[in-house]
Structures are given as structure tokens and as C-alpha cells.
Amino acid sequence: MAAPLTLSPAAAPALTRGSTIELQAVGKHFPGGAPVLADVDLRVRPGEIVGLVGPSGCGKSTLLRLLAGLDREHTGTLLVGGRPVTGPDRAVGFMFQEPRLLPWLTVAENIAFGIAPGRRSESAAIVGRLIEQVHLDGSAKLYPRQLSGGMQQRTALARALAAEPAVLLLDEPFSALDAFTRIHLQDLVLELWQRTQLTMVLVTHEVDEALYLSDRVVVFSERPARISEIVEVKLDRPRHRRDPALLELCGDLLEKLRLAGRWDRKKPEYEI
């Protein structure tokens, strides 16, 4: 088994692996547009996985960008490890819907790109460990164009972990993948979470994915998005996808989404 990923105190002295995330009365609107988020209050506990679901376009990904410091125009307070979010920070890892790898760099070089400058002398060891942990053995010298979609996302995941973040934000990272690859990467994320105990926030349109991965699932309303309900997933891990209790939760969550989104079957743009 690969050695567990450890967070060096020198790499992020103010934050520790598995830090809390706190949102207090967070709101967002784009210039000249309607409000996107309104009075969002949420506390993500250390080492917890929280899934965010809701109507398509309600603002889930916008909220994740605020947490990552990629968008700094908002009202309310955002805290990671008790520290205000003021901009991008290596302590906050981010996985996008697409891999966003640098095409002129190899797998190993893309992963090393995420390593903090102060730890560059350890790059070879860190990259080697991460390649093993995301099951990319033998692929270190390949370029993104030579990889499958799943391999590209595993590389992106390794790059996010290379910064040794305190929390990891995932914005529909498996949405473009086939069902089999998506299942494999869900299990990989859980495997890495068990080793690192990172705090994770996952945006997804897949109800079964949210329930399989998360400790809690936050249901958002239509815009301006508010938290309409928080569902506790009180099922032991490892979970089984055909577990009747999980399937029952899935049905309940679909109904909560229907109510939160005022679902109209004639609206094809509504997604869950």
C-alpha cells in the first residue's frame, strides 16, 4: 500500500489537513443580473465530505469558486480553517469539470506543477507517491493527448493533492466520463480521503454519486440559491451501491430536489 500523504507544517502553517469550512450569510450577484446566492449558512466539519445538489444553474459551482478564492465579489463571510478566503490558496485544492492539464507537460510534470515552491526539492518523491496513489503507474512520461479521459482526471486529482491542501473542492469532476470510469474514480476519491482525511466539498448533478460519497448532502433551491434542506447520510462505509437503504435515500433526495427546484417535466434544462 502506498504511503499516506502528509501535510508538512512548513507548507501551510496556518491550516491543517481536514480544516473546517464556514459560510456565513454568503450572497452573490453578477453586475446587472439577478442574485445567484442568498444568505447561505453552512459549516463543513473537519474531514467531512459534503455534497452540493440542486437545480441546474442555481449557483453551486459559483459557490465553489467563491470558496476557492477564484471569485472575490460576494457578501457575507467565507472561512477555511478559521481564515478568511481572500484569493486562491494552495491550502484549498480544486478539481474542475475538465482536467485542464498543460498539454506540453508530461503526467509527472503536470503533477509537479502543483507542488509548493518550498517543497520542489522533494518533487520526485511526491510525484512518485501520487502517481502510485491515483493508479497511474507507468504513465509518468505520457502527455495529456495520450491519456484517456479517466487518466486525465486522475492526473488532475494528483496535481490538486500535490499542493498538500487542507480542503479539496470538486466541481462535477466526473460528469464527462462514462459510467464505469466514473464509478472507478468515485472509489478512488474515497480511497484517498481515507488516507488523508481531507475536508471535501463536491458539486454534482448525480444524486447517487452525492449519496455514495458524502456524509451530508446539501439541497439548494432555484436562484437565488438558498439551502432548502440538509440530508444526513447515516450509512457506514464502505457503502454498497445496491444497498436498499441507499436506494431509499436516493428516492427521498430526488423528491427533495423536485420540491426545491419546483420541477416541471416540460423544462428539459432542469438537471439532477
C-alpha atoms as a PDB file:
ATOM      1  CA  MET A   1       0.000   0.000   0.000  1.00  0.00           C
ATOM      2  CA  ALA A   2       1.236   3.487  -0.833  1.00  0.00           C
ATOM      3  CA  ALA A   3       2.449   5.676   1.992  1.00  0.00           C
ATOM      4  CA  PRO A   4      -0.193   8.157   3.229  1.00  0.00           C
ATOM      5  CA  LEU A   5       0.020  11.725   2.021  1.00  0.00           C
ATOM      6  CA  THR A   6       1.185  14.002   4.831  1.00  0.00           C
ATOM      7  CA  LEU A   7       0.898  17.750   5.217  1.00  0.00           C
ATOM      8  CA  SER A   8       4.151  19.413   6.154  1.00  0.00           C
ATOM      9  CA  PRO A   9       3.663  22.129   8.795  1.00  0.00           C
ATOM     10  CA  ALA A  10       6.097  24.288   6.837  1.00  0.00           C
ATOM     11  CA  ALA A  11       3.921  24.036   3.726  1.00  0.00           C
ATOM     12  CA  ALA A  12       0.803  25.568   5.296  1.00  0.00           C
ATOM     13  CA  PRO A  13       1.446  26.735   8.856  1.00  0.00           C
ATOM     14  CA  ALA A  14      -1.969  28.334   9.416  1.00  0.00           C
ATOM     15  CA  LEU A  15      -4.063  25.410   8.162  1.00  0.00           C
ATOM     16  CA  THR A  16      -4.117  21.712   8.847  1.00  0.00           C
ATOM     17  CA  ARG A  17      -5.346  18.828   6.773  1.00  0.00           C
ATOM     18  CA  GLY A  18      -9.082  18.439   7.275  1.00  0.00           C
ATOM     19  CA  SER A  19      -9.771  22.080   8.164  1.00  0.00           C
ATOM     20  CA  THR A  20     -13.274  23.404   8.715  1.00  0.00           C
ATOM     21  CA  ILE A  21     -15.157  25.379   6.074  1.00  0.00           C
ATOM     22  CA  GLU A  22     -17.628  28.038   7.210  1.00  0.00           C
ATOM     23  CA  LEU A  23     -20.072  30.111   5.195  1.00  0.00           C
ATOM     24  CA  GLN A  24     -21.942  32.874   6.981  1.00  0.00           C
ATOM     25  CA  ALA A  25     -24.747  34.743   5.191  1.00  0.00           C
ATOM     26  CA  VAL A  26     -22.973  34.355   1.847  1.00  0.00           C
ATOM     27  CA  GLY A  27     -24.609  36.091  -1.098  1.00  0.00           C
ATOM     28  CA  LYS A  28     -23.619  36.684  -4.703  1.00  0.00           C
ATOM     29  CA  HIS A  29     -24.986  38.543  -7.692  1.00  0.00           C
ATOM     30  CA  PHE A  30     -23.370  39.358 -11.015  1.00  0.00           C
ATOM     31  CA  PRO A  31     -23.286  43.006 -12.165  1.00  0.00           C
ATOM     32  CA  GLY A  32     -26.567  43.898 -13.818  1.00  0.00           C
ATOM     33  CA  GLY A  33     -28.012  40.470 -13.083  1.00  0.00           C
ATOM     34  CA  ALA A  34     -30.327  38.789 -10.633  1.00  0.00           C
ATOM     35  CA  PRO A  35     -28.990  37.412  -7.341  1.00  0.00           C
ATOM     36  CA  VAL A  36     -27.348  33.988  -7.604  1.00  0.00           C
ATOM     37  CA  LEU A  37     -26.843  33.081  -3.925  1.00  0.00           C
ATOM     38  CA  ALA A  38     -28.695  34.407  -0.901  1.00  0.00           C
ATOM     39  CA  ASP A  39     -27.929  34.015   2.810  1.00  0.00           C
ATOM     40  CA  VAL A  40     -26.060  30.710   2.579  1.00  0.00           C
ATOM     41  CA  ASP A  41     -25.006  29.454   6.015  1.00  0.00           C
ATOM     42  CA  LEU A  42     -23.072  26.202   6.224  1.00  0.00           C
ATOM     43  CA  ARG A  43     -20.348  24.647   8.349  1.00  0.00           C
ATOM     44  CA  VAL A  44     -18.377  21.721   6.947  1.00  0.00           C
ATOM     45  CA  ARG A  45     -16.740  19.742   9.728  1.00  0.00           C
ATOM     46  CA  PRO A  46     -13.065  18.663   9.652  1.00  0.00           C
ATOM     47  CA  GLY A  47     -12.585  15.612   7.450  1.00  0.00           C
ATOM     48  CA  GLU A  48     -16.203  15.656   6.265  1.00  0.00           C
ATOM     49  CA  ILE A  49     -17.382  15.100   2.687  1.00  0.00           C
ATOM     50  CA  VAL A  50     -20.334  17.339   1.808  1.00  0.00           C
ATOM     51  CA  GLY A  51     -22.198  17.078  -1.494  1.00  0.00           C
ATOM     52  CA  LEU A  52     -24.000  20.048  -3.066  1.00  0.00           C
ATOM     53  CA  VAL A  53     -27.017  19.354  -5.295  1.00  0.00           C
ATOM     54  CA  GLY A  54     -29.789  21.496  -6.746  1.00  0.00           C
ATOM     55  CA  PRO A  55     -31.406  22.721  -9.953  1.00  0.00           C
ATOM     56  CA  SER A  56     -29.073  23.281 -12.878  1.00  0.00           C
ATOM     57  CA  GLY A  57     -27.638  26.792 -12.873  1.00  0.00           C
ATOM     58  CA  CYS A  58     -28.709  27.586  -9.308  1.00  0.00           C
ATOM     59  CA  GLY A  59     -25.208  28.643  -8.255  1.00  0.00           C
ATOM     60  CA  LYS A  60     -23.485  25.543  -6.828  1.00  0.00           C
ATOM     61  CA  SER A  61     -20.356  25.959  -8.950  1.00  0.00           C
ATOM     62  CA  THR A  62     -20.370  29.700  -8.240  1.00  0.00           C
ATOM     63  CA  LEU A  63     -20.290  28.905  -4.522  1.00  0.00           C
ATOM     64  CA  LEU A  64     -17.341  26.573  -5.036  1.00  0.00           C
ATOM     65  CA  ARG A  65     -15.454  29.288  -6.940  1.00  0.00           C
ATOM     66  CA  LEU A  66     -16.046  31.677  -4.044  1.00  0.00           C
ATOM     67  CA  LEU A  67     -14.637  29.117  -1.614  1.00  0.00           C
ATOM     68  CA  ALA A  68     -11.584  28.670  -3.839  1.00  0.00           C
ATOM     69  CA  GLY A  69     -10.994  32.426  -3.945  1.00  0.00           C
ATOM     70  CA  LEU A  70     -11.394  32.442  -7.738  1.00  0.00           C
ATOM     71  CA  ASP A  71     -14.236  34.947  -7.385  1.00  0.00           C
ATOM     72  CA  ARG A  72     -13.928  37.501  -4.608  1.00  0.00           C
ATOM     73  CA  GLU A  73     -17.085  39.535  -5.211  1.00  0.00           C
ATOM     74  CA  HIS A  74     -19.620  38.427  -2.609  1.00  0.00           C
ATOM     75  CA  THR A  75     -21.377  39.376   0.587  1.00  0.00           C
ATOM     76  CA  GLY A  76     -21.083  37.511   3.864  1.00  0.00           C
ATOM     77  CA  THR A  77     -18.110  35.599   5.225  1.00  0.00           C
ATOM     78  CA  LEU A  78     -16.144  32.634   3.897  1.00  0.00           C
ATOM     79  CA  LEU A  79     -13.668  30.908   6.200  1.00  0.00           C
ATOM     80  CA  VAL A  80     -11.337  27.944   5.680  1.00  0.00           C
ATOM     81  CA  GLY A  81      -9.711  26.764   8.888  1.00  0.00           C
ATOM     82  CA  GLY A  82     -10.927  29.949  10.525  1.00  0.00           C
ATOM     83  CA  ARG A  83      -9.049  32.048   7.983  1.00  0.00           C
ATOM     84  CA  PRO A  84     -10.931  34.394   5.598  1.00  0.00           C
ATOM     85  CA  VAL A  85     -10.830  33.456   1.916  1.00  0.00           C
ATOM     86  CA  THR A  86      -9.176  36.390   0.147  1.00  0.00           C
ATOM     87  CA  GLY A  87      -7.948  34.708  -3.038  1.00  0.00           C
ATOM     88  CA  PRO A  88      -6.529  31.454  -4.432  1.00  0.00           C
ATOM     89  CA  ASP A  89      -4.570  29.485  -1.842  1.00  0.00           C
ATOM     90  CA  ARG A  90      -2.571  26.259  -2.157  1.00  0.00           C
ATOM     91  CA  ALA A  91      -4.315  25.103   1.008  1.00  0.00           C
ATOM     92  CA  VAL A  92      -7.567  24.904  -0.990  1.00  0.00           C
ATOM     93  CA  GLY A  93      -7.340  22.275  -3.727  1.00  0.00           C
ATOM     94  CA  PHE A  94      -9.723  22.483  -6.694  1.00  0.00           C
ATOM     95  CA  MET A  95     -10.805  19.983  -9.336  1.00  0.00           C
ATOM     96  CA  PHE A  96     -12.698  21.371 -12.317  1.00  0.00           C
ATOM     97  CA  GLN A  97     -15.241  19.640 -14.564  1.00  0.00           C
ATOM     98  CA  GLU A  98     -12.473  19.197 -17.117  1.00  0.00           C
ATOM     99  CA  PRO A  99      -8.840  18.235 -16.316  1.00  0.00           C
ATOM    100  CA  ARG A 100      -7.226  21.490 -17.517  1.00  0.00           C
ATOM    101  CA  LEU A 101      -3.838  19.828 -17.879  1.00  0.00           C
ATOM    102  CA  LEU A 102      -0.969  21.643 -19.572  1.00  0.00           C
ATOM    103  CA  PRO A 103      -0.627  19.821 -22.917  1.00  0.00           C
ATOM    104  CA  TRP A 104       3.127  20.435 -23.274  1.00  0.00           C
ATOM    105  CA  LEU A 105       3.891  18.774 -19.919  1.00  0.00           C
ATOM    106  CA  THR A 106       4.002  15.064 -19.114  1.00  0.00           C
ATOM    107  CA  VAL A 107       1.862  13.449 -16.426  1.00  0.00           C
ATOM    108  CA  ALA A 108       4.716  13.742 -13.920  1.00  0.00           C
ATOM    109  CA  GLU A 109       5.365  17.384 -14.861  1.00  0.00           C
ATOM    110  CA  ASN A 110       1.669  18.293 -14.611  1.00  0.00           C
ATOM    111  CA  ILE A 111       1.509  16.803 -11.121  1.00  0.00           C
ATOM    112  CA  ALA A 112       4.745  18.511 -10.067  1.00  0.00           C
ATOM    113  CA  PHE A 113       3.259  21.829 -11.227  1.00  0.00           C
ATOM    114  CA  GLY A 114       1.035  21.782  -8.124  1.00  0.00           C
ATOM    115  CA  ILE A 115       3.864  21.391  -5.611  1.00  0.00           C
ATOM    116  CA  ALA A 116       4.606  24.394  -3.412  1.00  0.00           C
ATOM    117  CA  PRO A 117       7.925  26.127  -4.244  1.00  0.00           C
ATOM    118  CA  GLY A 118       9.306  25.321  -0.804  1.00  0.00           C
ATOM    119  CA  ARG A 119       8.966  21.591  -1.454  1.00  0.00           C
ATOM    120  CA  ARG A 120      10.338  21.433  -5.013  1.00  0.00           C
ATOM    121  CA  SER A 121      13.422  19.584  -3.768  1.00  0.00           C
ATOM    122  CA  GLU A 122      11.071  16.715  -2.859  1.00  0.00           C
ATOM    123  CA  SER A 123       9.244  16.750  -6.190  1.00  0.00           C
ATOM    124  CA  ALA A 124      10.391  13.349  -7.383  1.00  0.00           C
ATOM    125  CA  ALA A 125       9.267  11.606  -4.183  1.00  0.00           C
ATOM    126  CA  ILE A 126       5.937  13.472  -4.011  1.00  0.00           C
ATOM    127  CA  VAL A 127       5.125  12.847  -7.685  1.00  0.00           C
ATOM    128  CA  GLY A 128       6.099   9.192  -7.461  1.00  0.00           C
ATOM    129  CA  ARG A 129       3.881   8.677  -4.411  1.00  0.00           C
ATOM    130  CA  LEU A 130       0.908  10.423  -6.011  1.00  0.00           C
ATOM    131  CA  ILE A 131       1.251   8.527  -9.288  1.00  0.00           C
ATOM    132  CA  GLU A 132       1.042   5.323  -7.270  1.00  0.00           C
ATOM    133  CA  GLN A 133      -1.899   6.551  -5.207  1.00  0.00           C
ATOM    134  CA  VAL A 134      -4.029   7.515  -8.234  1.00  0.00           C
ATOM    135  CA  HIS A 135      -3.060   4.307 -10.068  1.00  0.00           C
ATOM    136  CA  LEU A 136      -1.140   5.898 -12.952  1.00  0.00           C
ATOM    137  CA  ASP A 137       1.891   3.628 -12.703  1.00  0.00           C
ATOM    138  CA  GLY A 138       3.799   3.530 -15.998  1.00  0.00           C
ATOM    139  CA  SER A 139       2.203   6.774 -17.242  1.00  0.00           C
ATOM    140  CA  ALA A 140       4.619   9.368 -15.826  1.00  0.00           C
ATOM    141  CA  LYS A 141       6.182  10.214 -19.208  1.00  0.00           C
ATOM    142  CA  LEU A 142       2.949  10.329 -21.198  1.00  0.00           C
ATOM    143  CA  TYR A 143       1.390  13.577 -22.427  1.00  0.00           C
ATOM    144  CA  PRO A 144      -2.282  14.508 -21.875  1.00  0.00           C
ATOM    145  CA  ARG A 145      -3.166  13.697 -25.501  1.00  0.00           C
ATOM    146  CA  GLN A 146      -2.028  10.125 -24.869  1.00  0.00           C
ATOM    147  CA  LEU A 147      -4.357   9.651 -21.902  1.00  0.00           C
ATOM    148  CA  SER A 148      -7.967   8.544 -21.639  1.00  0.00           C
ATOM    149  CA  GLY A 149     -10.467  10.909 -20.007  1.00  0.00           C
ATOM    150  CA  GLY A 150     -10.280   8.976 -16.756  1.00  0.00           C
ATOM    151  CA  MET A 151      -6.488   9.072 -16.728  1.00  0.00           C
ATOM    152  CA  GLN A 152      -6.554  12.812 -17.340  1.00  0.00           C
ATOM    153  CA  GLN A 153      -8.876  13.328 -14.361  1.00  0.00           C
ATOM    154  CA  ARG A 154      -6.674  11.136 -12.176  1.00  0.00           C
ATOM    155  CA  THR A 155      -3.722  13.315 -13.183  1.00  0.00           C
ATOM    156  CA  ALA A 156      -5.741  16.423 -12.294  1.00  0.00           C
ATOM    157  CA  LEU A 157      -6.611  14.886  -8.922  1.00  0.00           C
ATOM    158  CA  ALA A 158      -2.956  14.104  -8.237  1.00  0.00           C
ATOM    159  CA  ARG A 159      -1.990  17.669  -9.184  1.00  0.00           C
ATOM    160  CA  ALA A 160      -4.579  19.052  -6.728  1.00  0.00           C
ATOM    161  CA  LEU A 161      -3.209  16.808  -3.975  1.00  0.00           C
ATOM    162  CA  ALA A 162       0.402  17.733  -4.771  1.00  0.00           C
ATOM    163  CA  ALA A 163      -0.107  21.080  -3.040  1.00  0.00           C
ATOM    164  CA  GLU A 164      -0.993  19.144   0.140  1.00  0.00           C
ATOM    165  CA  PRO A 165      -4.242  21.086   0.599  1.00  0.00           C
ATOM    166  CA  ALA A 166      -6.236  21.373   3.796  1.00  0.00           C
ATOM    167  CA  VAL A 167      -9.510  21.036   1.883  1.00  0.00           C
ATOM    168  CA  LEU A 168     -10.432  19.795  -1.587  1.00  0.00           C
ATOM    169  CA  LEU A 169     -13.222  21.259  -3.734  1.00  0.00           C
ATOM    170  CA  LEU A 170     -14.604  19.134  -6.581  1.00  0.00           C
ATOM    171  CA  ASP A 171     -16.787  20.742  -9.259  1.00  0.00           C
ATOM    172  CA  GLU A 172     -18.536  17.886 -11.114  1.00  0.00           C
ATOM    173  CA  PRO A 173     -15.160  16.264 -11.841  1.00  0.00           C
ATOM    174  CA  PHE A 174     -16.661  13.044 -13.224  1.00  0.00           C
ATOM    175  CA  SER A 175     -19.585  14.424 -15.253  1.00  0.00           C
ATOM    176  CA  ALA A 176     -17.926  13.946 -18.659  1.00  0.00           C
ATOM    177  CA  LEU A 177     -16.852  10.352 -18.024  1.00  0.00           C
ATOM    178  CA  ASP A 178     -18.556   7.062 -18.857  1.00  0.00           C
ATOM    179  CA  ALA A 179     -20.383   5.269 -16.052  1.00  0.00           C
ATOM    180  CA  PHE A 180     -17.691   2.648 -15.399  1.00  0.00           C
ATOM    181  CA  THR A 181     -14.873   5.221 -15.219  1.00  0.00           C
ATOM    182  CA  ARG A 182     -16.993   7.492 -13.029  1.00  0.00           C
ATOM    183  CA  ILE A 183     -17.571   4.663 -10.532  1.00  0.00           C
ATOM    184  CA  HIS A 184     -13.855   3.854 -10.500  1.00  0.00           C
ATOM    185  CA  LEU A 185     -12.912   7.478  -9.773  1.00  0.00           C
ATOM    186  CA  GLN A 186     -15.554   7.808  -7.061  1.00  0.00           C
ATOM    187  CA  ASP A 187     -13.944   4.854  -5.290  1.00  0.00           C
ATOM    188  CA  LEU A 188     -10.505   6.375  -5.837  1.00  0.00           C
ATOM    189  CA  VAL A 189     -11.602   9.634  -4.189  1.00  0.00           C
ATOM    190  CA  LEU A 190     -12.885   7.677  -1.192  1.00  0.00           C
ATOM    191  CA  GLU A 191      -9.638   5.706  -1.037  1.00  0.00           C
ATOM    192  CA  LEU A 192      -7.624   8.943  -0.959  1.00  0.00           C
ATOM    193  CA  TRP A 193      -9.998  10.502   1.559  1.00  0.00           C
ATOM    194  CA  GLN A 194      -9.473   7.562   3.916  1.00  0.00           C
ATOM    195  CA  ARG A 195      -5.707   8.118   3.715  1.00  0.00           C
ATOM    196  CA  THR A 196      -5.721  11.906   4.030  1.00  0.00           C
ATOM    197  CA  GLN A 197      -8.965  12.764   5.885  1.00  0.00           C
ATOM    198  CA  LEU A 198      -9.234  15.893   3.756  1.00  0.00           C
ATOM    199  CA  THR A 199     -12.334  18.023   4.105  1.00  0.00           C
ATOM    200  CA  MET A 200     -14.129  17.789   0.746  1.00  0.00           C
ATOM    201  CA  VAL A 201     -16.995  19.664  -0.913  1.00  0.00           C
ATOM    202  CA  LEU A 202     -18.429  18.075  -4.050  1.00  0.00           C
ATOM    203  CA  VAL A 203     -20.775  19.672  -6.579  1.00  0.00           C
ATOM    204  CA  THR A 204     -22.674  17.064  -8.563  1.00  0.00           C
ATOM    205  CA  HIS A 205     -25.869  16.554 -10.579  1.00  0.00           C
ATOM    206  CA  GLU A 206     -25.806  12.840  -9.791  1.00  0.00           C
ATOM    207  CA  VAL A 207     -27.939  12.049  -6.751  1.00  0.00           C
ATOM    208  CA  ASP A 208     -26.491   8.557  -6.371  1.00  0.00           C
ATOM    209  CA  GLU A 209     -22.953   9.972  -6.514  1.00  0.00           C
ATOM    210  CA  ALA A 210     -23.735  12.553  -3.822  1.00  0.00           C
ATOM    211  CA  LEU A 211     -25.177   9.895  -1.504  1.00  0.00           C
ATOM    212  CA  TYR A 212     -22.431   7.349  -2.162  1.00  0.00           C
ATOM    213  CA  LEU A 213     -19.608   9.783  -1.407  1.00  0.00           C
ATOM    214  CA  SER A 214     -20.983  12.246   1.128  1.00  0.00           C
ATOM    215  CA  ASP A 215     -21.541  12.421   4.865  1.00  0.00           C
ATOM    216  CA  ARG A 216     -24.173  15.107   4.239  1.00  0.00           C
ATOM    217  CA  VAL A 217     -25.915  16.333   1.100  1.00  0.00           C
ATOM    218  CA  VAL A 218     -26.946  19.993   0.886  1.00  0.00           C
ATOM    219  CA  VAL A 219     -30.001  20.683  -1.292  1.00  0.00           C
ATOM    220  CA  PHE A 220     -30.179  24.139  -2.890  1.00  0.00           C
ATOM    221  CA  SER A 221     -33.246  25.914  -4.217  1.00  0.00           C
ATOM    222  CA  GLU A 222     -33.534  27.694  -7.539  1.00  0.00           C
ATOM    223  CA  ARG A 223     -31.962  31.139  -7.881  1.00  0.00           C
ATOM    224  CA  PRO A 224     -31.300  32.961  -5.764  1.00  0.00           C
ATOM    225  CA  ALA A 225     -29.992  29.719  -4.267  1.00  0.00           C
ATOM    226  CA  ARG A 226     -30.674  29.084  -0.607  1.00  0.00           C
ATOM    227  CA  ILE A 227     -30.175  25.906   1.375  1.00  0.00           C
ATOM    228  CA  SER A 228     -33.566  24.222   1.376  1.00  0.00           C
ATOM    229  CA  GLU A 229     -32.522  21.073   3.253  1.00  0.00           C
ATOM    230  CA  ILE A 230     -29.507  19.134   4.509  1.00  0.00           C
ATOM    231  CA  VAL A 231     -29.668  15.352   4.286  1.00  0.00           C
ATOM    232  CA  GLU A 232     -27.560  13.285   6.688  1.00  0.00           C
ATOM    233  CA  VAL A 233     -26.216  10.082   5.112  1.00  0.00           C
ATOM    234  CA  LYS A 234     -26.018   7.839   8.176  1.00  0.00           C
ATOM    235  CA  LEU A 235     -24.653   4.795   6.382  1.00  0.00           C
ATOM    236  CA  ASP A 236     -21.386   3.108   7.284  1.00  0.00           C
ATOM    237  CA  ARG A 237     -18.528   2.938   4.827  1.00  0.00           C
ATOM    238  CA  PRO A 238     -17.761   1.106   2.670  1.00  0.00           C
ATOM    239  CA  ARG A 239     -21.196   1.629   1.137  1.00  0.00           C
ATOM    240  CA  HIS A 240     -22.784  -0.685  -1.381  1.00  0.00           C
ATOM    241  CA  ARG A 241     -24.406   0.907  -4.413  1.00  0.00           C
ATOM    242  CA  ARG A 242     -27.333  -1.554  -4.327  1.00  0.00           C
ATOM    243  CA  ASP A 243     -27.940  -1.182  -0.609  1.00  0.00           C
ATOM    244  CA  PRO A 244     -31.743  -0.793  -0.179  1.00  0.00           C
ATOM    245  CA  ALA A 245     -31.161   1.950   2.394  1.00  0.00           C
ATOM    246  CA  LEU A 246     -29.043   3.902  -0.102  1.00  0.00           C
ATOM    247  CA  LEU A 247     -31.661   3.433  -2.830  1.00  0.00           C
ATOM    248  CA  GLU A 248     -34.380   4.643  -0.482  1.00  0.00           C
ATOM    249  CA  LEU A 249     -32.324   7.733   0.339  1.00  0.00           C
ATOM    250  CA  CYS A 250     -31.892   8.322  -3.384  1.00  0.00           C
ATOM    251  CA  GLY A 251     -35.675   8.355  -3.886  1.00  0.00           C
ATOM    252  CA  ASP A 252     -36.146  10.728  -0.945  1.00  0.00           C
ATOM    253  CA  LEU A 253     -33.433  13.070  -2.223  1.00  0.00           C
ATOM    254  CA  LEU A 254     -34.960  13.139  -5.701  1.00  0.00           C
ATOM    255  CA  GLU A 255     -38.253  14.249  -4.138  1.00  0.00           C
ATOM    256  CA  LYS A 256     -36.488  16.963  -2.133  1.00  0.00           C
ATOM    257  CA  LEU A 257     -34.850  18.182  -5.333  1.00  0.00           C
ATOM    258  CA  ARG A 258     -38.205  18.221  -7.096  1.00  0.00           C
ATOM    259  CA  LEU A 259     -39.634  20.429  -4.362  1.00  0.00           C
ATOM    260  CA  ALA A 260     -36.533  22.631  -4.130  1.00  0.00           C
ATOM    261  CA  GLY A 261     -36.498  23.206  -7.870  1.00  0.00           C
ATOM    262  CA  ARG A 262     -40.250  23.435  -8.429  1.00  0.00           C
ATOM    263  CA  TRP A 263     -39.644  20.777 -11.046  1.00  0.00           C
ATOM    264  CA  ASP A 264     -41.569  20.988 -14.304  1.00  0.00           C
ATOM    265  CA  ARG A 265     -41.156  17.920 -16.508  1.00  0.00           C
ATOM    266  CA  LYS A 266     -41.559  20.176 -19.556  1.00  0.00           C
ATOM    267  CA  LYS A 267     -38.353  22.022 -18.690  1.00  0.00           C
ATOM    268  CA  PRO A 268     -35.554  19.954 -20.283  1.00  0.00           C
ATOM    269  CA  GLU A 269     -32.890  22.237 -18.863  1.00  0.00           C
ATOM    270  CA  TYR A 270     -33.640  21.014 -15.347  1.00  0.00           C
ATOM    271  CA  GLU A 271     -30.994  18.537 -14.298  1.00  0.00           C
ATOM    272  CA  ILE A 272     -30.431  16.390 -11.260  1.00  0.00           C
END
